[in-house]
């Protein structure tokens, strides 16, 4: 605060800024230490990972890669176009139809909030890493999307992609989408899920992969923060509702999980659209 006469102390904000810088440095140090722990535990991770793959049911991708979410009444404007690209969550693993997956659920949220029909399209595939998503991006042309949602990270955690390589791939995905669709669409990057809470993963695999997921997500946050018009959105935690949030494999979201996720994404997508205009 300034003096009574109105003169502002220029150093008043310095302690808070210093604390923020120190806290950020501490988080980075802790994540770096966590990476050492994860690499040291690789033999355990390999053995437990094989066991998880044997015992976890393999769920199919959702049906119907394109669809529309109507409004409750007469639309108030032209349709919005949503493009979802990424891994198995983009592909709707955990539900039978994309209408119950992230594309359909987010489309319904956007339609309800804007009064406009949302036409959504999915370019997702199980097992894709960030590098795979980059390689699979479709050429531009046709109807330009208003919102692009990118969902990657889990497979990079499982395949032990380095933080630097992951950040490089995420940055390249953003650049490629801008090249294909221009600066107009709102570009939203979904966070790497909090794998430390996945019920399908046993201990110590669960906390170790959780640490790895946080490290990759921190890198993605830094990349998105440096890119104008790109938003990074955390995935909601399933605290107290894991049985409802997850699908039968206890690894992917189910219909309720995708609905909760979409509700958190929708306001950020709309804010990004407003900034892009």
C-alpha atoms as a PDB file:
ATOM      1  CA  UNK A   1       0.000   0.000   0.000  1.00  0.00           C
ATOM      2  CA  UNK A   2       1.129   3.610  -0.567  1.00  0.00           C
ATOM      3  CA  UNK A   3       1.598   6.454   1.901  1.00  0.00           C
ATOM      4  CA  UNK A   4      -1.358   8.536   3.065  1.00  0.00           C
ATOM      5  CA  UNK A   5      -0.383  11.201   0.546  1.00  0.00           C
ATOM      6  CA  UNK A   6      -0.865   8.695  -2.308  1.00  0.00           C
ATOM      7  CA  UNK A   7       2.787   7.864  -3.069  1.00  0.00           C
ATOM      8  CA  UNK A   8       3.107   4.164  -3.882  1.00  0.00           C
ATOM      9  CA  UNK A   9       6.043   2.201  -2.504  1.00  0.00           C
ATOM     10  CA  UNK A  10       7.653   0.692  -5.614  1.00  0.00           C
ATOM     11  CA  UNK A  11       9.087  -2.170  -3.584  1.00  0.00           C
ATOM     12  CA  UNK A  12       5.739  -3.202  -2.088  1.00  0.00           C
ATOM     13  CA  UNK A  13       5.145  -5.971  -4.618  1.00  0.00           C
ATOM     14  CA  UNK A  14       8.678  -7.328  -4.594  1.00  0.00           C
ATOM     15  CA  UNK A  15       8.360  -9.799  -1.682  1.00  0.00           C
ATOM     16  CA  UNK A  16       5.303 -11.432  -3.252  1.00  0.00           C
ATOM     17  CA  UNK A  17       7.032 -11.728  -6.618  1.00  0.00           C
ATOM     18  CA  UNK A  18      10.139 -13.121  -4.948  1.00  0.00           C
ATOM     19  CA  UNK A  19       8.032 -15.723  -3.138  1.00  0.00           C
ATOM     20  CA  UNK A  20       6.342 -16.737  -6.413  1.00  0.00           C
ATOM     21  CA  UNK A  21       9.691 -17.138  -8.171  1.00  0.00           C
ATOM     22  CA  UNK A  22      11.021 -19.152  -5.231  1.00  0.00           C
ATOM     23  CA  UNK A  23       7.947 -21.382  -5.169  1.00  0.00           C
ATOM     24  CA  UNK A  24       8.252 -22.026  -8.904  1.00  0.00           C
ATOM     25  CA  UNK A  25      11.926 -22.898  -8.557  1.00  0.00           C
ATOM     26  CA  UNK A  26      11.138 -25.262  -5.681  1.00  0.00           C
ATOM     27  CA  UNK A  27       8.450 -27.042  -7.734  1.00  0.00           C
ATOM     28  CA  UNK A  28      10.893 -27.522 -10.593  1.00  0.00           C
ATOM     29  CA  UNK A  29      13.525 -28.907  -8.217  1.00  0.00           C
ATOM     30  CA  UNK A  30      11.037 -31.349  -6.714  1.00  0.00           C
ATOM     31  CA  UNK A  31       9.910 -32.509 -10.157  1.00  0.00           C
ATOM     32  CA  UNK A  32      13.534 -33.004 -11.199  1.00  0.00           C
ATOM     33  CA  UNK A  33      14.166 -35.083  -8.086  1.00  0.00           C
ATOM     34  CA  UNK A  34      11.031 -37.079  -8.846  1.00  0.00           C
ATOM     35  CA  UNK A  35      12.372 -37.935 -12.303  1.00  0.00           C
ATOM     36  CA  UNK A  36      15.475 -39.466 -10.731  1.00  0.00           C
ATOM     37  CA  UNK A  37      13.222 -41.589  -8.518  1.00  0.00           C
ATOM     38  CA  UNK A  38      11.108 -42.704 -11.466  1.00  0.00           C
ATOM     39  CA  UNK A  39      14.112 -43.739 -13.551  1.00  0.00           C
ATOM     40  CA  UNK A  40      15.573 -45.639 -10.602  1.00  0.00           C
ATOM     41  CA  UNK A  41      12.320 -47.582 -10.326  1.00  0.00           C
ATOM     42  CA  UNK A  42      12.133 -48.518 -14.022  1.00  0.00           C
ATOM     43  CA  UNK A  43      12.605 -52.293 -13.401  1.00  0.00           C
ATOM     44  CA  UNK A  44       9.652 -52.281 -10.991  1.00  0.00           C
ATOM     45  CA  UNK A  45       7.579 -50.218 -13.413  1.00  0.00           C
ATOM     46  CA  UNK A  46       8.244 -52.665 -16.239  1.00  0.00           C
ATOM     47  CA  UNK A  47       7.141 -55.685 -14.207  1.00  0.00           C
ATOM     48  CA  UNK A  48       4.032 -54.001 -12.815  1.00  0.00           C
ATOM     49  CA  UNK A  49       3.199 -52.469 -16.192  1.00  0.00           C
ATOM     50  CA  UNK A  50       3.114 -55.905 -17.786  1.00  0.00           C
ATOM     51  CA  UNK A  51       0.796 -57.101 -15.057  1.00  0.00           C
ATOM     52  CA  UNK A  52      -1.553 -54.158 -15.582  1.00  0.00           C
ATOM     53  CA  UNK A  53      -1.690 -54.806 -19.329  1.00  0.00           C
ATOM     54  CA  UNK A  54      -2.580 -58.465 -18.691  1.00  0.00           C
ATOM     55  CA  UNK A  55      -5.361 -57.750 -16.220  1.00  0.00           C
ATOM     56  CA  UNK A  56      -6.878 -54.500 -17.537  1.00  0.00           C
ATOM     57  CA  UNK A  57      -9.699 -54.967 -20.064  1.00  0.00           C
ATOM     58  CA  UNK A  58      -9.032 -53.340 -23.443  1.00  0.00           C
ATOM     59  CA  UNK A  59     -11.994 -51.140 -24.256  1.00  0.00           C
ATOM     60  CA  UNK A  60     -12.815 -50.148 -27.845  1.00  0.00           C
ATOM     61  CA  UNK A  61     -12.896 -46.637 -29.230  1.00  0.00           C
ATOM     62  CA  UNK A  62     -16.271 -44.923 -29.389  1.00  0.00           C
ATOM     63  CA  UNK A  63     -18.429 -45.140 -32.499  1.00  0.00           C
ATOM     64  CA  UNK A  64     -19.043 -42.261 -34.892  1.00  0.00           C
ATOM     65  CA  UNK A  65     -16.145 -39.792 -35.315  1.00  0.00           C
ATOM     66  CA  UNK A  66     -18.424 -36.872 -36.206  1.00  0.00           C
ATOM     67  CA  UNK A  67     -21.739 -35.563 -34.965  1.00  0.00           C
ATOM     68  CA  UNK A  68     -23.703 -32.571 -33.752  1.00  0.00           C
ATOM     69  CA  UNK A  69     -24.973 -31.281 -30.414  1.00  0.00           C
ATOM     70  CA  UNK A  70     -28.257 -29.401 -30.892  1.00  0.00           C
ATOM     71  CA  UNK A  71     -29.614 -26.514 -28.867  1.00  0.00           C
ATOM     72  CA  UNK A  72     -32.638 -26.789 -26.599  1.00  0.00           C
ATOM     73  CA  UNK A  73     -34.506 -24.195 -28.686  1.00  0.00           C
ATOM     74  CA  UNK A  74     -34.060 -22.241 -31.878  1.00  0.00           C
ATOM     75  CA  UNK A  75     -30.338 -21.604 -32.536  1.00  0.00           C
ATOM     76  CA  UNK A  76     -29.266 -18.000 -32.029  1.00  0.00           C
ATOM     77  CA  UNK A  77     -26.454 -18.096 -34.577  1.00  0.00           C
ATOM     78  CA  UNK A  78     -24.520 -20.254 -37.026  1.00  0.00           C
ATOM     79  CA  UNK A  79     -23.147 -23.593 -35.845  1.00  0.00           C
ATOM     80  CA  UNK A  80     -19.912 -23.765 -33.886  1.00  0.00           C
ATOM     81  CA  UNK A  81     -17.329 -26.262 -35.078  1.00  0.00           C
ATOM     82  CA  UNK A  82     -15.311 -28.308 -32.586  1.00  0.00           C
ATOM     83  CA  UNK A  83     -12.286 -30.426 -33.474  1.00  0.00           C
ATOM     84  CA  UNK A  84     -10.883 -32.893 -30.913  1.00  0.00           C
ATOM     85  CA  UNK A  85      -7.473 -34.436 -31.608  1.00  0.00           C
ATOM     86  CA  UNK A  86      -5.367 -36.757 -29.498  1.00  0.00           C
ATOM     87  CA  UNK A  87      -5.145 -40.146 -27.860  1.00  0.00           C
ATOM     88  CA  UNK A  88      -7.659 -42.642 -26.480  1.00  0.00           C
ATOM     89  CA  UNK A  89      -9.571 -39.999 -24.518  1.00  0.00           C
ATOM     90  CA  UNK A  90     -10.109 -38.065 -27.741  1.00  0.00           C
ATOM     91  CA  UNK A  91     -11.167 -41.371 -29.326  1.00  0.00           C
ATOM     92  CA  UNK A  92     -13.806 -41.851 -26.618  1.00  0.00           C
ATOM     93  CA  UNK A  93     -12.436 -45.032 -25.076  1.00  0.00           C
ATOM     94  CA  UNK A  94     -14.624 -45.801 -22.078  1.00  0.00           C
ATOM     95  CA  UNK A  95     -17.989 -45.100 -23.749  1.00  0.00           C
ATOM     96  CA  UNK A  96     -19.802 -46.709 -26.675  1.00  0.00           C
ATOM     97  CA  UNK A  97     -20.666 -43.535 -28.589  1.00  0.00           C
ATOM     98  CA  UNK A  98     -18.826 -40.249 -29.056  1.00  0.00           C
ATOM     99  CA  UNK A  99     -22.007 -38.559 -27.910  1.00  0.00           C
ATOM    100  CA  UNK A 100     -21.055 -39.701 -24.396  1.00  0.00           C
ATOM    101  CA  UNK A 101     -17.333 -39.030 -24.937  1.00  0.00           C
ATOM    102  CA  UNK A 102     -15.440 -35.783 -24.612  1.00  0.00           C
ATOM    103  CA  UNK A 103     -16.440 -34.515 -28.075  1.00  0.00           C
ATOM    104  CA  UNK A 104     -20.164 -35.027 -27.599  1.00  0.00           C
ATOM    105  CA  UNK A 105     -20.203 -33.914 -23.967  1.00  0.00           C
ATOM    106  CA  UNK A 106     -18.189 -30.774 -24.697  1.00  0.00           C
ATOM    107  CA  UNK A 107     -20.375 -30.089 -27.717  1.00  0.00           C
ATOM    108  CA  UNK A 108     -23.471 -30.301 -25.509  1.00  0.00           C
ATOM    109  CA  UNK A 109     -21.917 -27.937 -22.953  1.00  0.00           C
ATOM    110  CA  UNK A 110     -21.004 -25.396 -25.620  1.00  0.00           C
ATOM    111  CA  UNK A 111     -24.447 -25.629 -27.228  1.00  0.00           C
ATOM    112  CA  UNK A 112     -26.174 -25.070 -23.878  1.00  0.00           C
ATOM    113  CA  UNK A 113     -23.977 -22.065 -23.061  1.00  0.00           C
ATOM    114  CA  UNK A 114     -24.138 -20.360 -26.471  1.00  0.00           C
ATOM    115  CA  UNK A 115     -27.532 -21.307 -27.861  1.00  0.00           C
ATOM    116  CA  UNK A 116     -25.803 -22.497 -31.038  1.00  0.00           C
ATOM    117  CA  UNK A 117     -25.585 -25.971 -32.528  1.00  0.00           C
ATOM    118  CA  UNK A 118     -22.116 -27.510 -32.195  1.00  0.00           C
ATOM    119  CA  UNK A 119     -20.785 -29.721 -34.958  1.00  0.00           C
ATOM    120  CA  UNK A 120     -17.913 -31.801 -33.668  1.00  0.00           C
ATOM    121  CA  UNK A 121     -15.314 -33.997 -35.304  1.00  0.00           C
ATOM    122  CA  UNK A 122     -12.789 -36.375 -33.738  1.00  0.00           C
ATOM    123  CA  UNK A 123      -9.277 -37.258 -34.868  1.00  0.00           C
ATOM    124  CA  UNK A 124      -8.166 -39.548 -32.045  1.00  0.00           C
ATOM    125  CA  UNK A 125      -6.600 -42.972 -31.713  1.00  0.00           C
ATOM    126  CA  UNK A 126      -5.690 -45.210 -28.797  1.00  0.00           C
ATOM    127  CA  UNK A 127      -1.994 -45.404 -28.012  1.00  0.00           C
ATOM    128  CA  UNK A 128      -0.967 -42.141 -29.641  1.00  0.00           C
ATOM    129  CA  UNK A 129       1.875 -40.177 -28.115  1.00  0.00           C
ATOM    130  CA  UNK A 130       2.230 -36.444 -28.707  1.00  0.00           C
ATOM    131  CA  UNK A 131       4.613 -37.231 -31.543  1.00  0.00           C
ATOM    132  CA  UNK A 132       2.056 -39.625 -33.069  1.00  0.00           C
ATOM    133  CA  UNK A 133      -0.667 -36.979 -32.825  1.00  0.00           C
ATOM    134  CA  UNK A 134       1.574 -34.509 -34.640  1.00  0.00           C
ATOM    135  CA  UNK A 135       2.266 -36.997 -37.438  1.00  0.00           C
ATOM    136  CA  UNK A 136      -1.442 -37.831 -37.818  1.00  0.00           C
ATOM    137  CA  UNK A 137      -2.797 -34.276 -38.017  1.00  0.00           C
ATOM    138  CA  UNK A 138      -5.034 -33.936 -41.046  1.00  0.00           C
ATOM    139  CA  UNK A 139      -4.261 -31.241 -43.620  1.00  0.00           C
ATOM    140  CA  UNK A 140      -6.152 -27.965 -43.389  1.00  0.00           C
ATOM    141  CA  UNK A 141      -8.995 -27.056 -45.686  1.00  0.00           C
ATOM    142  CA  UNK A 142     -12.736 -27.416 -45.476  1.00  0.00           C
ATOM    143  CA  UNK A 143     -14.645 -25.831 -42.623  1.00  0.00           C
ATOM    144  CA  UNK A 144     -12.291 -24.189 -40.152  1.00  0.00           C
ATOM    145  CA  UNK A 145     -12.968 -25.175 -36.527  1.00  0.00           C
ATOM    146  CA  UNK A 146     -13.929 -22.555 -33.959  1.00  0.00           C
ATOM    147  CA  UNK A 147     -12.420 -24.595 -31.115  1.00  0.00           C
ATOM    148  CA  UNK A 148      -9.619 -27.182 -31.203  1.00  0.00           C
ATOM    149  CA  UNK A 149      -9.106 -29.437 -28.178  1.00  0.00           C
ATOM    150  CA  UNK A 150      -5.821 -31.355 -27.904  1.00  0.00           C
ATOM    151  CA  UNK A 151      -5.632 -34.360 -25.545  1.00  0.00           C
ATOM    152  CA  UNK A 152      -2.233 -36.036 -25.170  1.00  0.00           C
ATOM    153  CA  UNK A 153       0.221 -37.156 -22.522  1.00  0.00           C
ATOM    154  CA  UNK A 154      -0.746 -40.473 -20.960  1.00  0.00           C
ATOM    155  CA  UNK A 155       1.036 -42.590 -23.563  1.00  0.00           C
ATOM    156  CA  UNK A 156       4.106 -40.371 -23.288  1.00  0.00           C
ATOM    157  CA  UNK A 157       4.111 -41.103 -19.557  1.00  0.00           C
ATOM    158  CA  UNK A 158       3.805 -44.842 -20.174  1.00  0.00           C
ATOM    159  CA  UNK A 159       6.549 -44.848 -22.813  1.00  0.00           C
ATOM    160  CA  UNK A 160       8.864 -42.684 -20.695  1.00  0.00           C
ATOM    161  CA  UNK A 161       9.108 -39.865 -23.241  1.00  0.00           C
ATOM    162  CA  UNK A 162      11.586 -37.284 -21.981  1.00  0.00           C
ATOM    163  CA  UNK A 163      10.238 -33.968 -20.725  1.00  0.00           C
ATOM    164  CA  UNK A 164      12.176 -32.102 -23.401  1.00  0.00           C
ATOM    165  CA  UNK A 165      10.897 -34.318 -26.229  1.00  0.00           C
ATOM    166  CA  UNK A 166       7.319 -34.053 -24.960  1.00  0.00           C
ATOM    167  CA  UNK A 167       7.489 -30.261 -24.761  1.00  0.00           C
ATOM    168  CA  UNK A 168       8.945 -30.143 -28.262  1.00  0.00           C
ATOM    169  CA  UNK A 169       6.105 -32.296 -29.651  1.00  0.00           C
ATOM    170  CA  UNK A 170       3.410 -30.249 -27.902  1.00  0.00           C
ATOM    171  CA  UNK A 171       4.890 -27.048 -29.302  1.00  0.00           C
ATOM    172  CA  UNK A 172       4.997 -28.604 -32.769  1.00  0.00           C
ATOM    173  CA  UNK A 173       1.328 -29.669 -32.490  1.00  0.00           C
ATOM    174  CA  UNK A 174       0.340 -26.096 -31.650  1.00  0.00           C
ATOM    175  CA  UNK A 175       2.379 -24.722 -34.560  1.00  0.00           C
ATOM    176  CA  UNK A 176       0.931 -27.289 -36.983  1.00  0.00           C
ATOM    177  CA  UNK A 177      -2.650 -26.526 -35.945  1.00  0.00           C
ATOM    178  CA  UNK A 178      -2.042 -22.806 -36.394  1.00  0.00           C
ATOM    179  CA  UNK A 179      -0.544 -23.454 -39.821  1.00  0.00           C
ATOM    180  CA  UNK A 180      -3.541 -25.548 -40.863  1.00  0.00           C
ATOM    181  CA  UNK A 181      -6.362 -23.505 -39.345  1.00  0.00           C
ATOM    182  CA  UNK A 182      -4.946 -20.020 -38.781  1.00  0.00           C
ATOM    183  CA  UNK A 183      -5.099 -17.956 -35.604  1.00  0.00           C
ATOM    184  CA  UNK A 184      -8.898 -17.885 -35.476  1.00  0.00           C
ATOM    185  CA  UNK A 185      -9.768 -21.071 -33.562  1.00  0.00           C
ATOM    186  CA  UNK A 186      -9.506 -21.192 -29.786  1.00  0.00           C
ATOM    187  CA  UNK A 187      -6.809 -23.759 -29.027  1.00  0.00           C
ATOM    188  CA  UNK A 188      -7.218 -25.649 -25.748  1.00  0.00           C
ATOM    189  CA  UNK A 189      -4.661 -28.106 -24.394  1.00  0.00           C
ATOM    190  CA  UNK A 190      -6.048 -30.625 -21.938  1.00  0.00           C
ATOM    191  CA  UNK A 191      -3.699 -31.388 -19.066  1.00  0.00           C
ATOM    192  CA  UNK A 192      -1.938 -34.709 -18.707  1.00  0.00           C
ATOM    193  CA  UNK A 193      -4.320 -36.601 -16.405  1.00  0.00           C
ATOM    194  CA  UNK A 194      -3.371 -37.088 -12.756  1.00  0.00           C
ATOM    195  CA  UNK A 195      -2.254 -40.689 -13.140  1.00  0.00           C
ATOM    196  CA  UNK A 196      -1.488 -40.921  -9.444  1.00  0.00           C
ATOM    197  CA  UNK A 197      -5.228 -41.382  -8.976  1.00  0.00           C
ATOM    198  CA  UNK A 198      -5.875 -44.056 -11.622  1.00  0.00           C
ATOM    199  CA  UNK A 199      -7.522 -47.018  -9.808  1.00  0.00           C
ATOM    200  CA  UNK A 200      -6.171 -49.516 -12.363  1.00  0.00           C
ATOM    201  CA  UNK A 201      -2.570 -48.807 -11.353  1.00  0.00           C
ATOM    202  CA  UNK A 202      -1.070 -50.618  -8.339  1.00  0.00           C
ATOM    203  CA  UNK A 203       1.399 -49.213  -5.837  1.00  0.00           C
ATOM    204  CA  UNK A 204       4.206 -48.135  -6.422  1.00  0.00           C
ATOM    205  CA  UNK A 205       3.396 -47.823 -10.137  1.00  0.00           C
ATOM    206  CA  UNK A 206       0.579 -45.375  -9.442  1.00  0.00           C
ATOM    207  CA  UNK A 207       2.497 -42.684  -7.512  1.00  0.00           C
ATOM    208  CA  UNK A 208       5.584 -43.014  -9.713  1.00  0.00           C
ATOM    209  CA  UNK A 209       3.614 -42.546 -12.920  1.00  0.00           C
ATOM    210  CA  UNK A 210       1.764 -39.736 -11.181  1.00  0.00           C
ATOM    211  CA  UNK A 211       5.074 -37.936 -10.641  1.00  0.00           C
ATOM    212  CA  UNK A 212       6.021 -38.492 -14.256  1.00  0.00           C
ATOM    213  CA  UNK A 213       2.652 -37.177 -15.457  1.00  0.00           C
ATOM    214  CA  UNK A 214       3.087 -33.999 -13.423  1.00  0.00           C
ATOM    215  CA  UNK A 215       6.524 -33.411 -14.910  1.00  0.00           C
ATOM    216  CA  UNK A 216       5.217 -33.698 -18.471  1.00  0.00           C
ATOM    217  CA  UNK A 217       2.209 -31.549 -17.670  1.00  0.00           C
ATOM    218  CA  UNK A 218       4.416 -28.840 -16.161  1.00  0.00           C
ATOM    219  CA  UNK A 219       6.333 -28.781 -19.441  1.00  0.00           C
ATOM    220  CA  UNK A 220       3.084 -28.506 -21.417  1.00  0.00           C
ATOM    221  CA  UNK A 221       1.971 -25.631 -19.202  1.00  0.00           C
ATOM    222  CA  UNK A 222       5.183 -23.751 -19.956  1.00  0.00           C
ATOM    223  CA  UNK A 223       4.747 -24.319 -23.688  1.00  0.00           C
ATOM    224  CA  UNK A 224       1.116 -23.160 -23.682  1.00  0.00           C
ATOM    225  CA  UNK A 225       1.916 -20.104 -21.545  1.00  0.00           C
ATOM    226  CA  UNK A 226       4.422 -18.975 -24.168  1.00  0.00           C
ATOM    227  CA  UNK A 227       1.896 -19.319 -27.016  1.00  0.00           C
ATOM    228  CA  UNK A 228      -0.691 -16.539 -27.504  1.00  0.00           C
ATOM    229  CA  UNK A 229      -4.242 -17.827 -27.662  1.00  0.00           C
ATOM    230  CA  UNK A 230      -3.479 -21.251 -26.181  1.00  0.00           C
ATOM    231  CA  UNK A 231      -5.110 -22.321 -22.910  1.00  0.00           C
ATOM    232  CA  UNK A 232      -4.067 -25.205 -20.655  1.00  0.00           C
ATOM    233  CA  UNK A 233      -6.904 -26.794 -18.666  1.00  0.00           C
ATOM    234  CA  UNK A 234      -6.445 -29.262 -15.772  1.00  0.00           C
ATOM    235  CA  UNK A 235      -8.410 -32.488 -15.807  1.00  0.00           C
ATOM    236  CA  UNK A 236     -10.850 -32.674 -12.873  1.00  0.00           C
ATOM    237  CA  UNK A 237      -9.952 -34.988 -10.027  1.00  0.00           C
ATOM    238  CA  UNK A 238     -12.271 -37.865  -9.232  1.00  0.00           C
ATOM    239  CA  UNK A 239     -11.878 -37.549  -5.458  1.00  0.00           C
ATOM    240  CA  UNK A 240     -14.696 -39.382  -3.713  1.00  0.00           C
ATOM    241  CA  UNK A 241     -16.305 -40.424  -6.992  1.00  0.00           C
ATOM    242  CA  UNK A 242     -13.783 -42.733  -8.652  1.00  0.00           C
ATOM    243  CA  UNK A 243     -16.357 -45.479  -9.234  1.00  0.00           C
ATOM    244  CA  UNK A 244     -18.560 -43.060 -11.182  1.00  0.00           C
ATOM    245  CA  UNK A 245     -15.753 -41.191 -12.967  1.00  0.00           C
ATOM    246  CA  UNK A 246     -13.927 -44.166 -14.506  1.00  0.00           C
ATOM    247  CA  UNK A 247     -14.980 -46.724 -17.103  1.00  0.00           C
ATOM    248  CA  UNK A 248     -14.870 -50.493 -16.564  1.00  0.00           C
ATOM    249  CA  UNK A 249     -11.099 -50.580 -17.104  1.00  0.00           C
ATOM    250  CA  UNK A 250     -10.609 -48.106 -14.203  1.00  0.00           C
ATOM    251  CA  UNK A 251      -8.163 -46.255 -16.457  1.00  0.00           C
ATOM    252  CA  UNK A 252     -10.246 -44.193 -18.888  1.00  0.00           C
ATOM    253  CA  UNK A 253     -13.150 -41.897 -18.013  1.00  0.00           C
ATOM    254  CA  UNK A 254     -16.664 -43.233 -18.329  1.00  0.00           C
ATOM    255  CA  UNK A 255     -19.692 -41.180 -19.387  1.00  0.00           C
ATOM    256  CA  UNK A 256     -19.843 -39.358 -16.035  1.00  0.00           C
ATOM    257  CA  UNK A 257     -16.103 -38.665 -16.167  1.00  0.00           C
ATOM    258  CA  UNK A 258     -16.277 -37.191 -19.651  1.00  0.00           C
ATOM    259  CA  UNK A 259     -19.264 -35.061 -18.625  1.00  0.00           C
ATOM    260  CA  UNK A 260     -17.387 -33.658 -15.623  1.00  0.00           C
ATOM    261  CA  UNK A 261     -14.324 -32.998 -17.761  1.00  0.00           C
ATOM    262  CA  UNK A 262     -16.386 -31.237 -20.446  1.00  0.00           C
ATOM    263  CA  UNK A 263     -18.018 -28.961 -17.885  1.00  0.00           C
ATOM    264  CA  UNK A 264     -14.572 -27.715 -16.869  1.00  0.00           C
ATOM    265  CA  UNK A 265     -13.374 -27.292 -20.449  1.00  0.00           C
ATOM    266  CA  UNK A 266     -16.388 -25.409 -21.837  1.00  0.00           C
ATOM    267  CA  UNK A 267     -15.842 -21.985 -20.202  1.00  0.00           C
ATOM    268  CA  UNK A 268     -12.183 -21.981 -21.224  1.00  0.00           C
ATOM    269  CA  UNK A 269     -13.095 -22.866 -24.815  1.00  0.00           C
ATOM    270  CA  UNK A 270     -15.567 -19.983 -24.964  1.00  0.00           C
ATOM    271  CA  UNK A 271     -13.121 -17.548 -23.377  1.00  0.00           C
ATOM    272  CA  UNK A 272     -10.527 -18.601 -25.944  1.00  0.00           C
ATOM    273  CA  UNK A 273     -12.992 -17.979 -28.768  1.00  0.00           C
ATOM    274  CA  UNK A 274     -13.705 -14.483 -27.450  1.00  0.00           C
ATOM    275  CA  UNK A 275      -9.974 -13.697 -27.351  1.00  0.00           C
ATOM    276  CA  UNK A 276      -9.415 -15.068 -30.850  1.00  0.00           C
ATOM    277  CA  UNK A 277     -12.045 -12.790 -32.405  1.00  0.00           C
END
